[in-house]
């Protein structure tokens, strides 16, 4: 049993913009109408949840494959948080589009040497180099990635703060991504910050993940409407 410092969990509420509120309300009504009177299987509910979740993160993927950006306060809140905390920070985001937005804002505010990335678009040949840079280069303060790609097998113990700009629905990916900083070699407490849009699916997702619940199984219960 490893004798590691404790994990500290905090939430950071991000109010929806006027555009998000309108889009969320419209999508919520459509989702309930779609599921009403039909068997509410996990895939159906998860699809509607994903659409609502995308809106809280500032975009929506359309049926034709295009993506619509929606004005959001989430990026402003992230930059405010990074200005408040000290030391190195891991920033996880569930969507590649969000990773790209975060990278652009980090470059603008802190410079191109302030970060590395580790996600689906990161070339294989520089992934290990990016880990080493984060762990050893004082100028490299941030690593940005997706739990799907960067959440497994790598060591990021220089980080004292882990930010979930957005969460996914997979409990294993959440737990694995937490442990990139909280593993052998970590000598300080690690703070985990979840960004949450109040009164949205964000709250349900984070509550389930922190309680170590499997979301796909959870929403099979009769109270699936509460998730939407």
C-alpha atoms as a PDB file:
ATOM      1  CA  UNK A   1       0.000   0.000   0.000  1.00  0.00           C
ATOM      2  CA  UNK A   2       1.579   3.267  -1.124  1.00  0.00           C
ATOM      3  CA  UNK A   3       1.949   6.013   1.461  1.00  0.00           C
ATOM      4  CA  UNK A   4       0.914   8.936  -0.763  1.00  0.00           C
ATOM      5  CA  UNK A   5      -0.202  12.452   0.249  1.00  0.00           C
ATOM      6  CA  UNK A   6      -3.987  13.004   0.247  1.00  0.00           C
ATOM      7  CA  UNK A   7      -6.111  14.061  -2.703  1.00  0.00           C
ATOM      8  CA  UNK A   8      -8.085  17.288  -2.331  1.00  0.00           C
ATOM      9  CA  UNK A   9     -11.240  17.802  -4.393  1.00  0.00           C
ATOM     10  CA  UNK A  10     -12.865  21.160  -5.110  1.00  0.00           C
ATOM     11  CA  UNK A  11     -15.541  22.368  -7.540  1.00  0.00           C
ATOM     12  CA  UNK A  12     -15.461  25.493  -9.649  1.00  0.00           C
ATOM     13  CA  UNK A  13     -18.872  26.650 -10.816  1.00  0.00           C
ATOM     14  CA  UNK A  14     -19.128  28.201 -14.262  1.00  0.00           C
ATOM     15  CA  UNK A  15     -22.381  29.949 -15.126  1.00  0.00           C
ATOM     16  CA  UNK A  16     -23.791  29.297 -18.572  1.00  0.00           C
ATOM     17  CA  UNK A  17     -23.808  32.203 -21.004  1.00  0.00           C
ATOM     18  CA  UNK A  18     -27.100  33.496 -22.396  1.00  0.00           C
ATOM     19  CA  UNK A  19     -26.418  31.591 -25.624  1.00  0.00           C
ATOM     20  CA  UNK A  20     -25.694  28.388 -23.731  1.00  0.00           C
ATOM     21  CA  UNK A  21     -28.818  28.724 -21.596  1.00  0.00           C
ATOM     22  CA  UNK A  22     -30.963  29.052 -24.696  1.00  0.00           C
ATOM     23  CA  UNK A  23     -29.289  26.148 -26.494  1.00  0.00           C
ATOM     24  CA  UNK A  24     -29.381  23.972 -23.384  1.00  0.00           C
ATOM     25  CA  UNK A  25     -33.081  24.607 -22.789  1.00  0.00           C
ATOM     26  CA  UNK A  26     -33.923  23.812 -26.410  1.00  0.00           C
ATOM     27  CA  UNK A  27     -31.830  20.635 -26.420  1.00  0.00           C
ATOM     28  CA  UNK A  28     -33.221  19.499 -23.073  1.00  0.00           C
ATOM     29  CA  UNK A  29     -36.803  19.817 -24.343  1.00  0.00           C
ATOM     30  CA  UNK A  30     -35.902  17.931 -27.518  1.00  0.00           C
ATOM     31  CA  UNK A  31     -34.158  15.191 -25.535  1.00  0.00           C
ATOM     32  CA  UNK A  32     -37.126  14.637 -23.232  1.00  0.00           C
ATOM     33  CA  UNK A  33     -39.472  14.604 -26.202  1.00  0.00           C
ATOM     34  CA  UNK A  34     -37.281  12.077 -28.017  1.00  0.00           C
ATOM     35  CA  UNK A  35     -37.123   9.702 -25.054  1.00  0.00           C
ATOM     36  CA  UNK A  36     -40.732  10.120 -23.915  1.00  0.00           C
ATOM     37  CA  UNK A  37     -42.777   6.983 -24.371  1.00  0.00           C
ATOM     38  CA  UNK A  38     -39.786   4.943 -25.534  1.00  0.00           C
ATOM     39  CA  UNK A  39     -37.509   2.508 -23.744  1.00  0.00           C
ATOM     40  CA  UNK A  40     -34.858   4.698 -22.136  1.00  0.00           C
ATOM     41  CA  UNK A  41     -31.838   2.513 -22.824  1.00  0.00           C
ATOM     42  CA  UNK A  42     -28.386   3.669 -21.748  1.00  0.00           C
ATOM     43  CA  UNK A  43     -27.155   4.459 -25.310  1.00  0.00           C
ATOM     44  CA  UNK A  44     -30.178   6.681 -25.969  1.00  0.00           C
ATOM     45  CA  UNK A  45     -29.815   8.605 -22.721  1.00  0.00           C
ATOM     46  CA  UNK A  46     -26.029   8.863 -23.082  1.00  0.00           C
ATOM     47  CA  UNK A  47     -26.448  10.370 -26.552  1.00  0.00           C
ATOM     48  CA  UNK A  48     -28.742  13.075 -25.210  1.00  0.00           C
ATOM     49  CA  UNK A  49     -26.433  13.656 -22.252  1.00  0.00           C
ATOM     50  CA  UNK A  50     -23.465  14.082 -24.575  1.00  0.00           C
ATOM     51  CA  UNK A  51     -25.283  16.761 -26.573  1.00  0.00           C
ATOM     52  CA  UNK A  52     -26.215  18.655 -23.423  1.00  0.00           C
ATOM     53  CA  UNK A  53     -22.680  18.257 -22.087  1.00  0.00           C
ATOM     54  CA  UNK A  54     -21.172  19.648 -25.279  1.00  0.00           C
ATOM     55  CA  UNK A  55     -23.307  22.755 -24.882  1.00  0.00           C
ATOM     56  CA  UNK A  56     -22.010  23.327 -21.343  1.00  0.00           C
ATOM     57  CA  UNK A  57     -18.480  23.143 -22.785  1.00  0.00           C
ATOM     58  CA  UNK A  58     -19.157  25.738 -25.488  1.00  0.00           C
ATOM     59  CA  UNK A  59     -19.865  23.783 -28.653  1.00  0.00           C
ATOM     60  CA  UNK A  60     -22.298  21.366 -30.262  1.00  0.00           C
ATOM     61  CA  UNK A  61     -21.537  18.735 -32.884  1.00  0.00           C
ATOM     62  CA  UNK A  62     -24.239  18.763 -35.539  1.00  0.00           C
ATOM     63  CA  UNK A  63     -25.746  15.762 -37.323  1.00  0.00           C
ATOM     64  CA  UNK A  64     -23.854  16.662 -40.525  1.00  0.00           C
ATOM     65  CA  UNK A  65     -20.497  16.433 -38.717  1.00  0.00           C
ATOM     66  CA  UNK A  66     -19.906  20.179 -38.414  1.00  0.00           C
ATOM     67  CA  UNK A  67     -19.455  21.859 -35.047  1.00  0.00           C
ATOM     68  CA  UNK A  68     -21.190  24.989 -33.817  1.00  0.00           C
ATOM     69  CA  UNK A  69     -19.333  27.115 -31.271  1.00  0.00           C
ATOM     70  CA  UNK A  70     -21.411  28.601 -28.455  1.00  0.00           C
ATOM     71  CA  UNK A  71     -20.241  31.538 -26.351  1.00  0.00           C
ATOM     72  CA  UNK A  72     -19.043  30.201 -22.992  1.00  0.00           C
ATOM     73  CA  UNK A  73     -17.555  31.481 -19.727  1.00  0.00           C
ATOM     74  CA  UNK A  74     -15.542  28.296 -19.158  1.00  0.00           C
ATOM     75  CA  UNK A  75     -12.303  29.454 -20.761  1.00  0.00           C
ATOM     76  CA  UNK A  76     -12.333  32.732 -18.834  1.00  0.00           C
ATOM     77  CA  UNK A  77     -12.811  30.773 -15.624  1.00  0.00           C
ATOM     78  CA  UNK A  78      -9.900  28.480 -16.493  1.00  0.00           C
ATOM     79  CA  UNK A  79      -7.540  31.390 -17.104  1.00  0.00           C
ATOM     80  CA  UNK A  80      -8.636  32.995 -13.831  1.00  0.00           C
ATOM     81  CA  UNK A  81      -7.909  29.754 -11.981  1.00  0.00           C
ATOM     82  CA  UNK A  82      -4.467  29.348 -13.551  1.00  0.00           C
ATOM     83  CA  UNK A  83      -3.616  32.870 -12.472  1.00  0.00           C
ATOM     84  CA  UNK A  84      -4.519  31.961  -8.884  1.00  0.00           C
ATOM     85  CA  UNK A  85      -2.662  28.660  -8.452  1.00  0.00           C
ATOM     86  CA  UNK A  86       1.077  28.104  -8.160  1.00  0.00           C
ATOM     87  CA  UNK A  87       3.222  25.356  -9.586  1.00  0.00           C
ATOM     88  CA  UNK A  88       2.603  22.960 -12.429  1.00  0.00           C
ATOM     89  CA  UNK A  89      -0.879  22.067 -13.632  1.00  0.00           C
ATOM     90  CA  UNK A  90      -2.437  19.220 -15.590  1.00  0.00           C
ATOM     91  CA  UNK A  91      -5.473  20.298 -17.621  1.00  0.00           C
ATOM     92  CA  UNK A  92      -7.762  17.507 -18.818  1.00  0.00           C
ATOM     93  CA  UNK A  93     -10.569  18.115 -21.319  1.00  0.00           C
ATOM     94  CA  UNK A  94     -13.009  15.587 -22.722  1.00  0.00           C
ATOM     95  CA  UNK A  95     -13.104  17.084 -26.229  1.00  0.00           C
ATOM     96  CA  UNK A  96     -10.257  17.687 -28.676  1.00  0.00           C
ATOM     97  CA  UNK A  97     -11.863  20.974 -29.669  1.00  0.00           C
ATOM     98  CA  UNK A  98     -11.535  22.167 -26.069  1.00  0.00           C
ATOM     99  CA  UNK A  99      -7.866  21.141 -25.989  1.00  0.00           C
ATOM    100  CA  UNK A 100      -7.205  23.273 -29.056  1.00  0.00           C
ATOM    101  CA  UNK A 101      -8.960  26.270 -27.477  1.00  0.00           C
ATOM    102  CA  UNK A 102      -7.000  25.850 -24.245  1.00  0.00           C
ATOM    103  CA  UNK A 103      -3.703  25.676 -26.145  1.00  0.00           C
ATOM    104  CA  UNK A 104      -4.493  28.909 -28.006  1.00  0.00           C
ATOM    105  CA  UNK A 105      -5.319  30.712 -24.765  1.00  0.00           C
ATOM    106  CA  UNK A 106      -2.215  29.416 -22.961  1.00  0.00           C
ATOM    107  CA  UNK A 107      -0.052  30.575 -25.867  1.00  0.00           C
ATOM    108  CA  UNK A 108      -1.638  34.019 -25.818  1.00  0.00           C
ATOM    109  CA  UNK A 109      -1.370  34.475 -22.031  1.00  0.00           C
ATOM    110  CA  UNK A 110       1.745  32.547 -20.999  1.00  0.00           C
ATOM    111  CA  UNK A 111       3.689  31.968 -24.219  1.00  0.00           C
ATOM    112  CA  UNK A 112       4.382  28.919 -26.394  1.00  0.00           C
ATOM    113  CA  UNK A 113       7.036  27.536 -24.025  1.00  0.00           C
ATOM    114  CA  UNK A 114       4.616  27.411 -21.080  1.00  0.00           C
ATOM    115  CA  UNK A 115       2.875  24.170 -22.049  1.00  0.00           C
ATOM    116  CA  UNK A 116       3.024  20.805 -23.768  1.00  0.00           C
ATOM    117  CA  UNK A 117       0.117  18.674 -24.961  1.00  0.00           C
ATOM    118  CA  UNK A 118      -0.763  14.987 -24.906  1.00  0.00           C
ATOM    119  CA  UNK A 119      -3.888  14.062 -26.835  1.00  0.00           C
ATOM    120  CA  UNK A 120      -5.019  12.423 -30.046  1.00  0.00           C
ATOM    121  CA  UNK A 121      -3.364  15.042 -32.296  1.00  0.00           C
ATOM    122  CA  UNK A 122      -0.025  14.920 -30.460  1.00  0.00           C
ATOM    123  CA  UNK A 123       2.473  13.108 -32.757  1.00  0.00           C
ATOM    124  CA  UNK A 124       3.671   9.797 -31.315  1.00  0.00           C
ATOM    125  CA  UNK A 125       7.325  10.776 -31.719  1.00  0.00           C
ATOM    126  CA  UNK A 126       7.070  13.777 -29.362  1.00  0.00           C
ATOM    127  CA  UNK A 127       4.764  12.394 -26.682  1.00  0.00           C
ATOM    128  CA  UNK A 128       7.561  11.142 -24.425  1.00  0.00           C
ATOM    129  CA  UNK A 129       9.514  14.335 -25.054  1.00  0.00           C
ATOM    130  CA  UNK A 130       6.507  16.351 -23.858  1.00  0.00           C
ATOM    131  CA  UNK A 131       6.287  14.333 -20.641  1.00  0.00           C
ATOM    132  CA  UNK A 132       9.993  14.895 -19.940  1.00  0.00           C
ATOM    133  CA  UNK A 133       9.629  18.615 -20.610  1.00  0.00           C
ATOM    134  CA  UNK A 134       6.732  18.916 -18.195  1.00  0.00           C
ATOM    135  CA  UNK A 135       8.593  16.994 -15.515  1.00  0.00           C
ATOM    136  CA  UNK A 136      11.944  18.774 -15.861  1.00  0.00           C
ATOM    137  CA  UNK A 137      11.607  22.172 -17.571  1.00  0.00           C
ATOM    138  CA  UNK A 138      10.788  25.024 -15.147  1.00  0.00           C
ATOM    139  CA  UNK A 139       9.409  27.099 -18.026  1.00  0.00           C
ATOM    140  CA  UNK A 140       6.881  24.393 -18.931  1.00  0.00           C
ATOM    141  CA  UNK A 141       4.098  24.901 -16.407  1.00  0.00           C
ATOM    142  CA  UNK A 142       1.131  23.196 -18.065  1.00  0.00           C
ATOM    143  CA  UNK A 143       0.294  19.948 -19.808  1.00  0.00           C
ATOM    144  CA  UNK A 144      -3.004  19.794 -21.699  1.00  0.00           C
ATOM    145  CA  UNK A 145      -4.607  16.571 -22.836  1.00  0.00           C
ATOM    146  CA  UNK A 146      -7.543  14.210 -22.934  1.00  0.00           C
ATOM    147  CA  UNK A 147      -7.969  11.401 -20.386  1.00  0.00           C
ATOM    148  CA  UNK A 148      -8.654   9.068 -23.311  1.00  0.00           C
ATOM    149  CA  UNK A 149      -5.059   9.535 -24.584  1.00  0.00           C
ATOM    150  CA  UNK A 150      -3.001  10.874 -21.685  1.00  0.00           C
ATOM    151  CA  UNK A 151      -4.772   9.242 -18.771  1.00  0.00           C
ATOM    152  CA  UNK A 152      -2.866   5.963 -18.827  1.00  0.00           C
ATOM    153  CA  UNK A 153       0.648   4.909 -17.914  1.00  0.00           C
ATOM    154  CA  UNK A 154       2.482   8.249 -17.834  1.00  0.00           C
ATOM    155  CA  UNK A 155       4.032  10.017 -14.851  1.00  0.00           C
ATOM    156  CA  UNK A 156       3.203  13.677 -14.203  1.00  0.00           C
ATOM    157  CA  UNK A 157       4.145  13.971 -10.520  1.00  0.00           C
ATOM    158  CA  UNK A 158       5.480  17.522 -10.886  1.00  0.00           C
ATOM    159  CA  UNK A 159       1.863  18.709 -10.947  1.00  0.00           C
ATOM    160  CA  UNK A 160       0.215  19.850  -7.733  1.00  0.00           C
ATOM    161  CA  UNK A 161      -3.064  20.793  -9.420  1.00  0.00           C
ATOM    162  CA  UNK A 162      -5.214  18.786 -11.832  1.00  0.00           C
ATOM    163  CA  UNK A 163      -8.015  20.650 -13.626  1.00  0.00           C
ATOM    164  CA  UNK A 164     -10.930  18.876 -15.287  1.00  0.00           C
ATOM    165  CA  UNK A 165     -12.037  21.498 -17.806  1.00  0.00           C
ATOM    166  CA  UNK A 166     -14.635  18.902 -18.738  1.00  0.00           C
ATOM    167  CA  UNK A 167     -15.234  15.306 -17.713  1.00  0.00           C
ATOM    168  CA  UNK A 168     -16.090  12.220 -19.706  1.00  0.00           C
ATOM    169  CA  UNK A 169     -18.420   9.421 -18.633  1.00  0.00           C
ATOM    170  CA  UNK A 170     -15.910   6.601 -18.120  1.00  0.00           C
ATOM    171  CA  UNK A 171     -15.035   5.981 -14.463  1.00  0.00           C
ATOM    172  CA  UNK A 172     -11.833   4.094 -15.266  1.00  0.00           C
ATOM    173  CA  UNK A 173     -10.489   6.953 -17.398  1.00  0.00           C
ATOM    174  CA  UNK A 174     -11.277   9.407 -14.606  1.00  0.00           C
ATOM    175  CA  UNK A 175      -9.476   7.327 -11.968  1.00  0.00           C
ATOM    176  CA  UNK A 176      -6.496   6.651 -14.220  1.00  0.00           C
ATOM    177  CA  UNK A 177      -6.155  10.317 -15.186  1.00  0.00           C
ATOM    178  CA  UNK A 178      -6.230  11.333 -11.506  1.00  0.00           C
ATOM    179  CA  UNK A 179      -3.357   8.975 -10.801  1.00  0.00           C
ATOM    180  CA  UNK A 180      -0.996  10.480 -13.365  1.00  0.00           C
ATOM    181  CA  UNK A 181      -0.087  13.001 -10.652  1.00  0.00           C
ATOM    182  CA  UNK A 182      -0.914  10.887  -7.601  1.00  0.00           C
ATOM    183  CA  UNK A 183       1.595   8.050  -7.782  1.00  0.00           C
ATOM    184  CA  UNK A 184       5.094   7.016  -6.668  1.00  0.00           C
ATOM    185  CA  UNK A 185       7.278  10.125  -6.606  1.00  0.00           C
ATOM    186  CA  UNK A 186       4.519  12.506  -5.512  1.00  0.00           C
ATOM    187  CA  UNK A 187       5.494  14.215  -2.257  1.00  0.00           C
ATOM    188  CA  UNK A 188       2.772  16.855  -1.991  1.00  0.00           C
ATOM    189  CA  UNK A 189      -1.009  16.846  -1.840  1.00  0.00           C
ATOM    190  CA  UNK A 190      -2.725  17.040  -5.218  1.00  0.00           C
ATOM    191  CA  UNK A 191      -5.738  19.302  -5.720  1.00  0.00           C
ATOM    192  CA  UNK A 192      -8.382  18.239  -8.250  1.00  0.00           C
ATOM    193  CA  UNK A 193     -10.627  20.968  -9.647  1.00  0.00           C
ATOM    194  CA  UNK A 194     -13.835  20.085 -11.488  1.00  0.00           C
ATOM    195  CA  UNK A 195     -15.470  22.748 -13.650  1.00  0.00           C
ATOM    196  CA  UNK A 196     -19.242  22.469 -13.300  1.00  0.00           C
ATOM    197  CA  UNK A 197     -22.091  24.363 -14.914  1.00  0.00           C
ATOM    198  CA  UNK A 198     -24.765  24.519 -12.153  1.00  0.00           C
ATOM    199  CA  UNK A 199     -28.111  22.785 -12.742  1.00  0.00           C
ATOM    200  CA  UNK A 200     -26.847  20.865 -15.772  1.00  0.00           C
ATOM    201  CA  UNK A 201     -25.647  17.337 -16.554  1.00  0.00           C
ATOM    202  CA  UNK A 202     -22.215  18.507 -15.338  1.00  0.00           C
ATOM    203  CA  UNK A 203     -23.383  18.147 -11.742  1.00  0.00           C
ATOM    204  CA  UNK A 204     -24.664  14.603 -12.275  1.00  0.00           C
ATOM    205  CA  UNK A 205     -21.537  13.487 -14.110  1.00  0.00           C
ATOM    206  CA  UNK A 206     -19.094  14.783 -11.499  1.00  0.00           C
ATOM    207  CA  UNK A 207     -21.173  13.456  -8.616  1.00  0.00           C
ATOM    208  CA  UNK A 208     -21.248   9.996 -10.193  1.00  0.00           C
ATOM    209  CA  UNK A 209     -17.527   9.953 -10.971  1.00  0.00           C
ATOM    210  CA  UNK A 210     -16.511  11.152  -7.519  1.00  0.00           C
ATOM    211  CA  UNK A 211     -18.756   8.492  -5.986  1.00  0.00           C
ATOM    212  CA  UNK A 212     -17.040   5.916  -8.232  1.00  0.00           C
ATOM    213  CA  UNK A 213     -20.286   5.062  -9.976  1.00  0.00           C
ATOM    214  CA  UNK A 214     -20.536   3.662 -13.486  1.00  0.00           C
ATOM    215  CA  UNK A 215     -22.619   6.228 -15.355  1.00  0.00           C
ATOM    216  CA  UNK A 216     -23.931   3.872 -18.047  1.00  0.00           C
ATOM    217  CA  UNK A 217     -25.374   1.556 -15.408  1.00  0.00           C
ATOM    218  CA  UNK A 218     -26.574   4.387 -13.178  1.00  0.00           C
ATOM    219  CA  UNK A 219     -28.798   5.998 -15.801  1.00  0.00           C
ATOM    220  CA  UNK A 220     -30.593   2.723 -16.446  1.00  0.00           C
ATOM    221  CA  UNK A 221     -32.510   3.378 -13.262  1.00  0.00           C
ATOM    222  CA  UNK A 222     -36.036   4.775 -13.458  1.00  0.00           C
ATOM    223  CA  UNK A 223     -34.838   8.283 -12.572  1.00  0.00           C
ATOM    224  CA  UNK A 224     -33.068   8.764 -15.948  1.00  0.00           C
ATOM    225  CA  UNK A 225     -35.073  11.972 -16.513  1.00  0.00           C
ATOM    226  CA  UNK A 226     -33.143  13.581 -13.650  1.00  0.00           C
ATOM    227  CA  UNK A 227     -29.950  13.208 -15.695  1.00  0.00           C
ATOM    228  CA  UNK A 228     -31.490  15.090 -18.602  1.00  0.00           C
END
